[in-house]
PDB file of N, CA and C in Angstrom:
ATOM      1  N   UNK A   1       8.957  -8.185  -0.373  1.00  0.00           N
ATOM      2  CA  UNK A   1       7.969  -9.157  -0.778  1.00  0.00           C
ATOM      3  C   UNK A   1       7.262  -8.619  -2.028  1.00  0.00           C
ATOM      4  N   UNK A   2       7.057  -9.487  -2.986  1.00  0.00           N
ATOM      5  CA  UNK A   2       6.440  -9.097  -4.245  1.00  0.00           C
ATOM      6  C   UNK A   2       5.033  -9.684  -4.329  1.00  0.00           C
ATOM      7  N   UNK A   3       4.080  -8.827  -4.631  1.00  0.00           N
ATOM      8  CA  UNK A   3       2.695  -9.239  -4.795  1.00  0.00           C
ATOM      9  C   UNK A   3       2.314  -9.123  -6.263  1.00  0.00           C
ATOM     10  N   UNK A   4       1.510 -10.069  -6.760  1.00  0.00           N
ATOM     11  CA  UNK A   4       1.027  -9.949  -8.133  1.00  0.00           C
ATOM     12  C   UNK A   4      -0.106  -8.910  -8.171  1.00  0.00           C
ATOM     13  N   UNK A   5      -0.603  -8.613  -9.357  1.00  0.00           N
ATOM     14  CA  UNK A   5      -1.597  -7.558  -9.512  1.00  0.00           C
ATOM     15  C   UNK A   5      -2.868  -7.843  -8.712  1.00  0.00           C
ATOM     16  N   UNK A   6      -3.372  -9.062  -8.789  1.00  0.00           N
ATOM     17  CA  UNK A   6      -4.595  -9.409  -8.054  1.00  0.00           C
ATOM     18  C   UNK A   6      -4.378  -9.248  -6.548  1.00  0.00           C
ATOM     19  N   UNK A   7      -3.222  -9.690  -6.053  1.00  0.00           N
ATOM     20  CA  UNK A   7      -2.917  -9.563  -4.630  1.00  0.00           C
ATOM     21  C   UNK A   7      -2.823  -8.092  -4.227  1.00  0.00           C
ATOM     22  N   UNK A   8      -2.180  -7.288  -5.075  1.00  0.00           N
ATOM     23  CA  UNK A   8      -2.091  -5.852  -4.783  1.00  0.00           C
ATOM     24  C   UNK A   8      -3.481  -5.236  -4.688  1.00  0.00           C
ATOM     25  N   UNK A   9      -4.344  -5.574  -5.640  1.00  0.00           N
ATOM     26  CA  UNK A   9      -5.703  -5.032  -5.625  1.00  0.00           C
ATOM     27  C   UNK A   9      -6.428  -5.411  -4.332  1.00  0.00           C
ATOM     28  N   UNK A  10      -6.313  -6.669  -3.927  1.00  0.00           N
ATOM     29  CA  UNK A  10      -6.983  -7.135  -2.715  1.00  0.00           C
ATOM     30  C   UNK A  10      -6.407  -6.471  -1.467  1.00  0.00           C
ATOM     31  N   UNK A  11      -5.099  -6.350  -1.407  1.00  0.00           N
ATOM     32  CA  UNK A  11      -4.457  -5.716  -0.253  1.00  0.00           C
ATOM     33  C   UNK A  11      -4.813  -4.237  -0.199  1.00  0.00           C
ATOM     34  N   UNK A  12      -4.776  -3.579  -1.342  1.00  0.00           N
ATOM     35  CA  UNK A  12      -5.137  -2.160  -1.386  1.00  0.00           C
ATOM     36  C   UNK A  12      -6.591  -1.975  -0.980  1.00  0.00           C
ATOM     37  N   UNK A  13      -7.471  -2.863  -1.437  1.00  0.00           N
ATOM     38  CA  UNK A  13      -8.882  -2.814  -1.046  1.00  0.00           C
ATOM     39  C   UNK A  13      -8.993  -2.893   0.473  1.00  0.00           C
ATOM     40  N   UNK A  14      -8.292  -3.842   1.077  1.00  0.00           N
ATOM     41  CA  UNK A  14      -8.340  -4.016   2.531  1.00  0.00           C
ATOM     42  C   UNK A  14      -7.770  -2.792   3.249  1.00  0.00           C
ATOM     43  N   UNK A  15      -6.655  -2.287   2.778  1.00  0.00           N
ATOM     44  CA  UNK A  15      -6.028  -1.119   3.398  1.00  0.00           C
ATOM     45  C   UNK A  15      -6.932   0.105   3.263  1.00  0.00           C
ATOM     46  N   UNK A  16      -7.544   0.267   2.106  1.00  0.00           N
ATOM     47  CA  UNK A  16      -8.457   1.379   1.884  1.00  0.00           C
ATOM     48  C   UNK A  16      -9.643   1.301   2.851  1.00  0.00           C
ATOM     49  N   UNK A  17     -10.156   0.104   3.063  1.00  0.00           N
ATOM     50  CA  UNK A  17     -11.269  -0.078   4.005  1.00  0.00           C
ATOM     51  C   UNK A  17     -10.844   0.328   5.416  1.00  0.00           C
ATOM     52  N   UNK A  18      -9.636  -0.053   5.819  1.00  0.00           N
ATOM     53  CA  UNK A  18      -9.135   0.310   7.142  1.00  0.00           C
ATOM     54  C   UNK A  18      -8.933   1.829   7.217  1.00  0.00           C
ATOM     55  N   UNK A  19      -8.400   2.401   6.166  1.00  0.00           N
ATOM     56  CA  UNK A  19      -8.183   3.853   6.111  1.00  0.00           C
ATOM     57  C   UNK A  19      -9.495   4.610   6.319  1.00  0.00           C
ATOM     58  N   UNK A  20     -10.567   4.105   5.739  1.00  0.00           N
ATOM     59  CA  UNK A  20     -11.856   4.786   5.801  1.00  0.00           C
ATOM     60  C   UNK A  20     -12.716   4.373   6.998  1.00  0.00           C
ATOM     61  N   UNK A  21     -12.278   3.383   7.768  1.00  0.00           N
ATOM     62  CA  UNK A  21     -13.098   2.788   8.830  1.00  0.00           C
ATOM     63  C   UNK A  21     -13.563   3.782   9.887  1.00  0.00           C
ATOM     64  N   UNK A  22     -12.728   4.716  10.278  1.00  0.00           N
ATOM     65  CA  UNK A  22     -13.115   5.636  11.349  1.00  0.00           C
ATOM     66  C   UNK A  22     -13.761   6.921  10.823  1.00  0.00           C
ATOM     67  N   UNK A  23     -13.921   7.009   9.503  1.00  0.00           N
ATOM     68  CA  UNK A  23     -14.579   8.171   8.921  1.00  0.00           C
ATOM     69  C   UNK A  23     -13.712   9.404   8.824  1.00  0.00           C
ATOM     70  N   UNK A  24     -12.444   9.287   9.213  1.00  0.00           N
ATOM     71  CA  UNK A  24     -11.516  10.414   9.163  1.00  0.00           C
ATOM     72  C   UNK A  24     -10.239   9.974   8.459  1.00  0.00           C
ATOM     73  N   UNK A  25      -9.744  10.808   7.570  1.00  0.00           N
ATOM     74  CA  UNK A  25      -8.462  10.526   6.927  1.00  0.00           C
ATOM     75  C   UNK A  25      -7.490  11.604   7.386  1.00  0.00           C
ATOM     76  N   UNK A  26      -6.477  11.169   8.107  1.00  0.00           N
ATOM     77  CA  UNK A  26      -5.491  12.109   8.648  1.00  0.00           C
ATOM     78  C   UNK A  26      -4.256  12.131   7.752  1.00  0.00           C
ATOM     79  N   UNK A  27      -3.507  13.197   7.875  1.00  0.00           N
ATOM     80  CA  UNK A  27      -2.294  13.368   7.067  1.00  0.00           C
ATOM     81  C   UNK A  27      -1.322  12.205   7.284  1.00  0.00           C
ATOM     82  N   UNK A  28      -1.211  11.733   8.511  1.00  0.00           N
ATOM     83  CA  UNK A  28      -0.290  10.621   8.798  1.00  0.00           C
ATOM     84  C   UNK A  28      -0.728   9.349   8.067  1.00  0.00           C
ATOM     85  N   UNK A  29      -2.024   9.166   7.878  1.00  0.00           N
ATOM     86  CA  UNK A  29      -2.515   8.002   7.148  1.00  0.00           C
ATOM     87  C   UNK A  29      -2.199   8.123   5.658  1.00  0.00           C
ATOM     88  N   UNK A  30      -2.344   9.331   5.129  1.00  0.00           N
ATOM     89  CA  UNK A  30      -1.987   9.575   3.723  1.00  0.00           C
ATOM     90  C   UNK A  30      -0.491   9.365   3.536  1.00  0.00           C
ATOM     91  N   UNK A  31       0.299   9.841   4.493  1.00  0.00           N
ATOM     92  CA  UNK A  31       1.758   9.648   4.428  1.00  0.00           C
ATOM     93  C   UNK A  31       2.099   8.161   4.404  1.00  0.00           C
ATOM     94  N   UNK A  32       1.432   7.386   5.266  1.00  0.00           N
ATOM     95  CA  UNK A  32       1.684   5.945   5.287  1.00  0.00           C
ATOM     96  C   UNK A  32       1.288   5.312   3.959  1.00  0.00           C
ATOM     97  N   UNK A  33       0.147   5.710   3.422  1.00  0.00           N
ATOM     98  CA  UNK A  33      -0.316   5.173   2.148  1.00  0.00           C
ATOM     99  C   UNK A  33       0.681   5.487   1.037  1.00  0.00           C
ATOM    100  N   UNK A  34       1.198   6.708   1.014  1.00  0.00           N
ATOM    101  CA  UNK A  34       2.175   7.085  -0.011  1.00  0.00           C
ATOM    102  C   UNK A  34       3.472   6.295   0.139  1.00  0.00           C
ATOM    103  N   UNK A  35       3.877   6.023   1.358  1.00  0.00           N
ATOM    104  CA  UNK A  35       5.065   5.200   1.594  1.00  0.00           C
ATOM    105  C   UNK A  35       4.800   3.767   1.115  1.00  0.00           C
ATOM    106  N   UNK A  36       3.621   3.272   1.409  1.00  0.00           N
ATOM    107  CA  UNK A  36       3.234   1.938   0.981  1.00  0.00           C
ATOM    108  C   UNK A  36       3.212   1.829  -0.538  1.00  0.00           C
ATOM    109  N   UNK A  37       2.790   2.898  -1.205  1.00  0.00           N
ATOM    110  CA  UNK A  37       2.762   2.912  -2.669  1.00  0.00           C
ATOM    111  C   UNK A  37       4.153   2.648  -3.238  1.00  0.00           C
ATOM    112  N   UNK A  38       5.165   3.179  -2.579  1.00  0.00           N
ATOM    113  CA  UNK A  38       6.551   2.978  -3.026  1.00  0.00           C
ATOM    114  C   UNK A  38       7.005   1.539  -2.743  1.00  0.00           C
ATOM    115  N   UNK A  39       6.626   1.031  -1.582  1.00  0.00           N
ATOM    116  CA  UNK A  39       7.092  -0.287  -1.148  1.00  0.00           C
ATOM    117  C   UNK A  39       6.514  -1.406  -2.003  1.00  0.00           C
ATOM    118  N   UNK A  40       5.190  -1.390  -2.220  1.00  0.00           N
ATOM    119  CA  UNK A  40       4.629  -2.482  -3.010  1.00  0.00           C
ATOM    120  C   UNK A  40       4.288  -2.054  -4.438  1.00  0.00           C
ATOM    121  N   UNK A  41       4.751  -0.879  -4.788  1.00  0.00           N
ATOM    122  CA  UNK A  41       4.736  -0.386  -6.177  1.00  0.00           C
ATOM    123  C   UNK A  41       3.329  -0.345  -6.790  1.00  0.00           C
ATOM    124  N   UNK A  42       2.579   0.688  -6.385  1.00  0.00           N
ATOM    125  CA  UNK A  42       1.292   0.955  -7.012  1.00  0.00           C
ATOM    126  C   UNK A  42       1.051   2.457  -7.022  1.00  0.00           C
ATOM    127  N   UNK A  43       0.038   2.875  -7.759  1.00  0.00           N
ATOM    128  CA  UNK A  43      -0.273   4.295  -7.857  1.00  0.00           C
ATOM    129  C   UNK A  43      -1.746   4.539  -7.538  1.00  0.00           C
ATOM    130  N   UNK A  44      -2.148   5.807  -7.614  1.00  0.00           N
ATOM    131  CA  UNK A  44      -3.532   6.161  -7.280  1.00  0.00           C
ATOM    132  C   UNK A  44      -4.540   5.484  -8.201  1.00  0.00           C
ATOM    133  N   UNK A  45      -4.165   5.231  -9.443  1.00  0.00           N
ATOM    134  CA  UNK A  45      -5.065   4.539 -10.368  1.00  0.00           C
ATOM    135  C   UNK A  45      -5.406   3.148  -9.844  1.00  0.00           C
ATOM    136  N   UNK A  46      -4.429   2.480  -9.242  1.00  0.00           N
ATOM    137  CA  UNK A  46      -4.682   1.143  -8.708  1.00  0.00           C
ATOM    138  C   UNK A  46      -5.601   1.209  -7.482  1.00  0.00           C
ATOM    139  N   UNK A  47      -5.541   2.297  -6.733  1.00  0.00           N
ATOM    140  CA  UNK A  47      -6.472   2.470  -5.611  1.00  0.00           C
ATOM    141  C   UNK A  47      -7.897   2.559  -6.146  1.00  0.00           C
ATOM    142  N   UNK A  48      -8.071   3.338  -7.205  1.00  0.00           N
ATOM    143  CA  UNK A  48      -9.405   3.442  -7.826  1.00  0.00           C
ATOM    144  C   UNK A  48      -9.869   2.073  -8.322  1.00  0.00           C
ATOM    145  N   UNK A  49      -8.965   1.319  -8.935  1.00  0.00           N
ATOM    146  CA  UNK A  49      -9.312  -0.029  -9.408  1.00  0.00           C
ATOM    147  C   UNK A  49      -9.679  -0.949  -8.243  1.00  0.00           C
ATOM    148  N   UNK A  50      -8.936  -0.834  -7.142  1.00  0.00           N
ATOM    149  CA  UNK A  50      -9.185  -1.681  -5.973  1.00  0.00           C
ATOM    150  C   UNK A  50     -10.561  -1.397  -5.373  1.00  0.00           C
ATOM    151  N   UNK A  51     -11.005  -0.170  -5.467  1.00  0.00           N
ATOM    152  CA  UNK A  51     -12.332   0.178  -4.939  1.00  0.00           C
ATOM    153  C   UNK A  51     -13.446  -0.486  -5.726  1.00  0.00           C
ATOM    154  N   UNK A  52     -13.147  -0.955  -6.931  1.00  0.00           N
ATOM    155  CA  UNK A  52     -14.129  -1.657  -7.756  1.00  0.00           C
ATOM    156  C   UNK A  52     -14.187  -3.155  -7.436  1.00  0.00           C
ATOM    157  N   UNK A  53     -13.205  -3.651  -6.721  1.00  0.00           N
ATOM    158  CA  UNK A  53     -13.158  -5.060  -6.323  1.00  0.00           C
ATOM    159  C   UNK A  53     -14.159  -5.259  -5.181  1.00  0.00           C
ATOM    160  N   UNK A  54     -14.954  -6.299  -5.260  1.00  0.00           N
ATOM    161  CA  UNK A  54     -15.894  -6.567  -4.168  1.00  0.00           C
ATOM    162  C   UNK A  54     -15.139  -7.130  -2.964  1.00  0.00           C
ATOM    163  N   UNK A  55     -15.741  -6.998  -1.807  1.00  0.00           N
ATOM    164  CA  UNK A  55     -15.136  -7.552  -0.596  1.00  0.00           C
ATOM    165  C   UNK A  55     -14.963  -9.056  -0.731  1.00  0.00           C
ATOM    166  N   UNK A  56     -15.941  -9.714  -1.321  1.00  0.00           N
ATOM    167  CA  UNK A  56     -15.880 -11.169  -1.507  1.00  0.00           C
ATOM    168  C   UNK A  56     -14.708 -11.563  -2.406  1.00  0.00           C
ATOM    169  N   UNK A  57     -14.514 -10.820  -3.496  1.00  0.00           N
ATOM    170  CA  UNK A  57     -13.392 -11.095  -4.405  1.00  0.00           C
ATOM    171  C   UNK A  57     -12.060 -10.869  -3.684  1.00  0.00           C
ATOM    172  N   UNK A  58     -11.975  -9.779  -2.931  1.00  0.00           N
ATOM    173  CA  UNK A  58     -10.732  -9.465  -2.224  1.00  0.00           C
ATOM    174  C   UNK A  58     -10.383 -10.554  -1.219  1.00  0.00           C
ATOM    175  N   UNK A  59     -11.373 -10.999  -0.458  1.00  0.00           N
ATOM    176  CA  UNK A  59     -11.130 -12.055   0.539  1.00  0.00           C
ATOM    177  C   UNK A  59     -10.665 -13.336  -0.136  1.00  0.00           C
ATOM    178  N   UNK A  60     -11.266 -13.687  -1.259  1.00  0.00           N
ATOM    179  CA  UNK A  60     -10.862 -14.907  -1.971  1.00  0.00           C
ATOM    180  C   UNK A  60      -9.404 -14.818  -2.415  1.00  0.00           C
ATOM    181  N   UNK A  61      -9.000 -13.656  -2.886  1.00  0.00           N
ATOM    182  CA  UNK A  61      -7.608 -13.460  -3.312  1.00  0.00           C
ATOM    183  C   UNK A  61      -6.677 -13.527  -2.108  1.00  0.00           C
ATOM    184  N   UNK A  62      -7.037 -12.840  -1.026  1.00  0.00           N
ATOM    185  CA  UNK A  62      -6.197 -12.837   0.178  1.00  0.00           C
ATOM    186  C   UNK A  62      -6.072 -14.247   0.749  1.00  0.00           C
ATOM    187  N   UNK A  63      -7.153 -14.979   0.720  1.00  0.00           N
ATOM    188  CA  UNK A  63      -7.172 -16.340   1.253  1.00  0.00           C
ATOM    189  C   UNK A  63      -6.224 -17.259   0.472  1.00  0.00           C
ATOM    190  N   UNK A  64      -6.072 -17.007  -0.825  1.00  0.00           N
ATOM    191  CA  UNK A  64      -5.234 -17.844  -1.681  1.00  0.00           C
ATOM    192  C   UNK A  64      -3.745 -17.509  -1.583  1.00  0.00           C
ATOM    193  N   UNK A  65      -3.412 -16.425  -0.918  1.00  0.00           N
ATOM    194  CA  UNK A  65      -1.997 -16.032  -0.812  1.00  0.00           C
ATOM    195  C   UNK A  65      -1.239 -16.996   0.109  1.00  0.00           C
ATOM    196  N   UNK A  66       0.069 -17.006  -0.052  1.00  0.00           N
ATOM    197  CA  UNK A  66       0.922 -17.820   0.816  1.00  0.00           C
ATOM    198  C   UNK A  66       0.868 -17.272   2.243  1.00  0.00           C
ATOM    199  N   UNK A  67       1.223 -18.109   3.207  1.00  0.00           N
ATOM    200  CA  UNK A  67       1.237 -17.667   4.607  1.00  0.00           C
ATOM    201  C   UNK A  67       2.182 -16.480   4.804  1.00  0.00           C
ATOM    202  N   UNK A  68       3.304 -16.491   4.106  1.00  0.00           N
ATOM    203  CA  UNK A  68       4.257 -15.382   4.216  1.00  0.00           C
ATOM    204  C   UNK A  68       3.621 -14.070   3.750  1.00  0.00           C
ATOM    205  N   UNK A  69       2.923 -14.124   2.628  1.00  0.00           N
ATOM    206  CA  UNK A  69       2.261 -12.923   2.118  1.00  0.00           C
ATOM    207  C   UNK A  69       1.128 -12.489   3.044  1.00  0.00           C
ATOM    208  N   UNK A  70       0.423 -13.453   3.618  1.00  0.00           N
ATOM    209  CA  UNK A  70      -0.648 -13.114   4.561  1.00  0.00           C
ATOM    210  C   UNK A  70      -0.082 -12.407   5.786  1.00  0.00           C
ATOM    211  N   UNK A  71       1.060 -12.874   6.271  1.00  0.00           N
ATOM    212  CA  UNK A  71       1.692 -12.212   7.424  1.00  0.00           C
ATOM    213  C   UNK A  71       2.101 -10.792   7.061  1.00  0.00           C
ATOM    214  N   UNK A  72       2.625 -10.613   5.839  1.00  0.00           N
ATOM    215  CA  UNK A  72       2.991  -9.281   5.376  1.00  0.00           C
ATOM    216  C   UNK A  72       1.781  -8.371   5.276  1.00  0.00           C
ATOM    217  N   UNK A  73       0.686  -8.906   4.744  1.00  0.00           N
ATOM    218  CA  UNK A  73      -0.550  -8.142   4.636  1.00  0.00           C
ATOM    219  C   UNK A  73      -1.077  -7.781   6.017  1.00  0.00           C
ATOM    220  N   UNK A  74      -1.010  -8.701   6.953  1.00  0.00           N
ATOM    221  CA  UNK A  74      -1.482  -8.450   8.317  1.00  0.00           C
ATOM    222  C   UNK A  74      -0.699  -7.298   8.943  1.00  0.00           C
ATOM    223  N   UNK A  75       0.588  -7.290   8.735  1.00  0.00           N
ATOM    224  CA  UNK A  75       1.427  -6.207   9.258  1.00  0.00           C
ATOM    225  C   UNK A  75       1.032  -4.867   8.632  1.00  0.00           C
ATOM    226  N   UNK A  76       0.804  -4.858   7.329  1.00  0.00           N
ATOM    227  CA  UNK A  76       0.405  -3.628   6.646  1.00  0.00           C
ATOM    228  C   UNK A  76      -0.926  -3.107   7.165  1.00  0.00           C
ATOM    229  N   UNK A  77      -1.881  -4.000   7.400  1.00  0.00           N
ATOM    230  CA  UNK A  77      -3.181  -3.588   7.919  1.00  0.00           C
ATOM    231  C   UNK A  77      -3.057  -2.983   9.314  1.00  0.00           C
ATOM    232  N   UNK A  78      -2.268  -3.627  10.162  1.00  0.00           N
ATOM    233  CA  UNK A  78      -2.077  -3.093  11.520  1.00  0.00           C
ATOM    234  C   UNK A  78      -1.368  -1.746  11.480  1.00  0.00           C
ATOM    235  N   UNK A  79      -0.372  -1.616  10.604  1.00  0.00           N
ATOM    236  CA  UNK A  79       0.346  -0.355  10.501  1.00  0.00           C
ATOM    237  C   UNK A  79      -0.558   0.755   9.981  1.00  0.00           C
ATOM    238  N   UNK A  80      -1.418   0.434   9.001  1.00  0.00           N
ATOM    239  CA  UNK A  80      -2.356   1.440   8.499  1.00  0.00           C
ATOM    240  C   UNK A  80      -3.306   1.871   9.611  1.00  0.00           C
ATOM    241  N   UNK A  81      -3.840   0.903  10.337  1.00  0.00           N
ATOM    242  CA  UNK A  81      -4.797   1.212  11.403  1.00  0.00           C
ATOM    243  C   UNK A  81      -4.171   2.084  12.485  1.00  0.00           C
ATOM    244  N   UNK A  82      -2.898   1.916  12.697  1.00  0.00           N
ATOM    245  CA  UNK A  82      -2.216   2.657  13.770  1.00  0.00           C
ATOM    246  C   UNK A  82      -1.437   3.866  13.251  1.00  0.00           C
ATOM    247  N   UNK A  83      -1.479   4.132  11.964  1.00  0.00           N
ATOM    248  CA  UNK A  83      -0.649   5.204  11.392  1.00  0.00           C
ATOM    249  C   UNK A  83      -1.035   6.592  11.893  1.00  0.00           C
ATOM    250  N   UNK A  84      -2.259   6.723  12.383  1.00  0.00           N
ATOM    251  CA  UNK A  84      -2.679   8.012  12.938  1.00  0.00           C
ATOM    252  C   UNK A  84      -2.511   8.050  14.453  1.00  0.00           C
ATOM    253  N   UNK A  85      -1.893   7.003  15.008  1.00  0.00           N
ATOM    254  CA  UNK A  85      -1.647   6.950  16.445  1.00  0.00           C
ATOM    255  C   UNK A  85      -2.858   6.490  17.248  1.00  0.00           C
ATOM    256  N   UNK A  86      -3.922   6.092  16.556  1.00  0.00           N
ATOM    257  CA  UNK A  86      -5.150   5.691  17.233  1.00  0.00           C
ATOM    258  C   UNK A  86      -5.726   4.457  16.552  1.00  0.00           C
ATOM    259  N   UNK A  87      -5.576   3.310  17.181  1.00  0.00           N
ATOM    260  CA  UNK A  87      -6.114   2.055  16.650  1.00  0.00           C
ATOM    261  C   UNK A  87      -7.473   1.864  17.330  1.00  0.00           C
ATOM    262  N   UNK A  88      -8.514   2.491  16.758  1.00  0.00           N
ATOM    263  CA  UNK A  88      -9.817   2.498  17.426  1.00  0.00           C
ATOM    264  C   UNK A  88     -10.581   1.194  17.222  1.00  0.00           C
ATOM    265  N   UNK A  89     -11.728   1.091  17.872  1.00  0.00           N
ATOM    266  CA  UNK A  89     -12.507  -0.151  17.871  1.00  0.00           C
ATOM    267  C   UNK A  89     -12.977  -0.545  16.469  1.00  0.00           C
ATOM    268  N   UNK A  90     -13.411   0.413  15.668  1.00  0.00           N
ATOM    269  CA  UNK A  90     -13.856   0.085  14.307  1.00  0.00           C
ATOM    270  C   UNK A  90     -12.714  -0.489  13.485  1.00  0.00           C
ATOM    271  N   UNK A  91     -11.554   0.149  13.584  1.00  0.00           N
ATOM    272  CA  UNK A  91     -10.384  -0.339  12.844  1.00  0.00           C
ATOM    273  C   UNK A  91      -9.979  -1.718  13.344  1.00  0.00           C
ATOM    274  N   UNK A  92      -9.957  -1.886  14.651  1.00  0.00           N
ATOM    275  CA  UNK A  92      -9.580  -3.170  15.238  1.00  0.00           C
ATOM    276  C   UNK A  92     -10.521  -4.278  14.745  1.00  0.00           C
ATOM    277  N   UNK A  93     -11.825  -4.026  14.830  1.00  0.00           N
ATOM    278  CA  UNK A  93     -12.805  -5.019  14.397  1.00  0.00           C
ATOM    279  C   UNK A  93     -12.637  -5.358  12.918  1.00  0.00           C
ATOM    280  N   UNK A  94     -12.419  -4.340  12.095  1.00  0.00           N
ATOM    281  CA  UNK A  94     -12.254  -4.570  10.656  1.00  0.00           C
ATOM    282  C   UNK A  94     -10.981  -5.356  10.364  1.00  0.00           C
ATOM    283  N   UNK A  95      -9.881  -4.974  10.987  1.00  0.00           N
ATOM    284  CA  UNK A  95      -8.615  -5.691  10.766  1.00  0.00           C
ATOM    285  C   UNK A  95      -8.766  -7.147  11.211  1.00  0.00           C
ATOM    286  N   UNK A  96      -9.349  -7.365  12.373  1.00  0.00           N
ATOM    287  CA  UNK A  96      -9.543  -8.729  12.867  1.00  0.00           C
ATOM    288  C   UNK A  96     -10.410  -9.534  11.899  1.00  0.00           C
ATOM    289  N   UNK A  97     -11.493  -8.941  11.430  1.00  0.00           N
ATOM    290  CA  UNK A  97     -12.386  -9.618  10.477  1.00  0.00           C
ATOM    291  C   UNK A  97     -11.638  -9.967   9.189  1.00  0.00           C
ATOM    292  N   UNK A  98     -10.870  -9.015   8.654  1.00  0.00           N
ATOM    293  CA  UNK A  98     -10.110  -9.269   7.431  1.00  0.00           C
ATOM    294  C   UNK A  98      -9.092 -10.391   7.626  1.00  0.00           C
ATOM    295  N   UNK A  99      -8.413 -10.377   8.756  1.00  0.00           N
ATOM    296  CA  UNK A  99      -7.412 -11.408   9.025  1.00  0.00           C
ATOM    297  C   UNK A  99      -8.058 -12.787   9.160  1.00  0.00           C
ATOM    298  N   UNK A 100      -9.144 -12.845   9.899  1.00  0.00           N
ATOM    299  CA  UNK A 100      -9.825 -14.135  10.086  1.00  0.00           C
ATOM    300  C   UNK A 100     -10.388 -14.658   8.774  1.00  0.00           C
ATOM    301  N   UNK A 101     -11.053 -13.793   8.010  1.00  0.00           N
ATOM    302  CA  UNK A 101     -11.664 -14.236   6.753  1.00  0.00           C
ATOM    303  C   UNK A 101     -10.636 -14.626   5.697  1.00  0.00           C
ATOM    304  N   UNK A 102      -9.457 -14.015   5.768  1.00  0.00           N
ATOM    305  CA  UNK A 102      -8.435 -14.358   4.772  1.00  0.00           C
ATOM    306  C   UNK A 102      -7.542 -15.515   5.229  1.00  0.00           C
ATOM    307  N   UNK A 103      -7.815 -16.044   6.402  1.00  0.00           N
ATOM    308  CA  UNK A 103      -7.114 -17.241   6.857  1.00  0.00           C
ATOM    309  C   UNK A 103      -5.752 -16.996   7.473  1.00  0.00           C
ATOM    310  N   UNK A 104      -5.550 -15.811   8.025  1.00  0.00           N
ATOM    311  CA  UNK A 104      -4.279 -15.513   8.699  1.00  0.00           C
ATOM    312  C   UNK A 104      -4.257 -16.238  10.025  1.00  0.00           C
ATOM    313  N   UNK A 105      -3.171 -16.939  10.295  1.00  0.00           N
ATOM    314  CA  UNK A 105      -3.003 -17.635  11.559  1.00  0.00           C
ATOM    315  C   UNK A 105      -2.643 -16.595  12.621  1.00  0.00           C
ATOM    316  N   UNK A 106      -3.560 -16.297  13.503  1.00  0.00           N
ATOM    317  CA  UNK A 106      -3.346 -15.243  14.512  1.00  0.00           C
ATOM    318  C   UNK A 106      -2.443 -15.683  15.655  1.00  0.00           C
ATOM    319  N   UNK A 107      -2.037 -16.929  15.640  1.00  0.00           N
ATOM    320  CA  UNK A 107      -1.137 -17.415  16.691  1.00  0.00           C
ATOM    321  C   UNK A 107       0.304 -17.046  16.424  1.00  0.00           C
ATOM    322  N   UNK A 108       0.605 -16.570  15.212  1.00  0.00           N
ATOM    323  CA  UNK A 108       2.002 -16.207  14.874  1.00  0.00           C
ATOM    324  C   UNK A 108       2.413 -14.940  15.570  1.00  0.00           C
TER     325      UNK A 108
END
């Protein structure tokens, strides 16, 4: 699946928020992030850029994506949250909030 630059920034913003949600960054999470960098083709500079995107801007971009892209983003968020083997309550709440606000159909 190919994401445009704005979509990448919004997805990276969301993934970064999930990565930081529990206050701990584990090696397995960094490994997942590095694998993701290869898959959707971005670098550390884009992570820095994504951190400058407001949550409101990111949600608007995510909301405008196609349903297929939203499903892909939802999978990435869940995988990031679980990449350390622990999908805790903060991560769960954040992922659910991101999915609902971006208009992901949770019935799929």
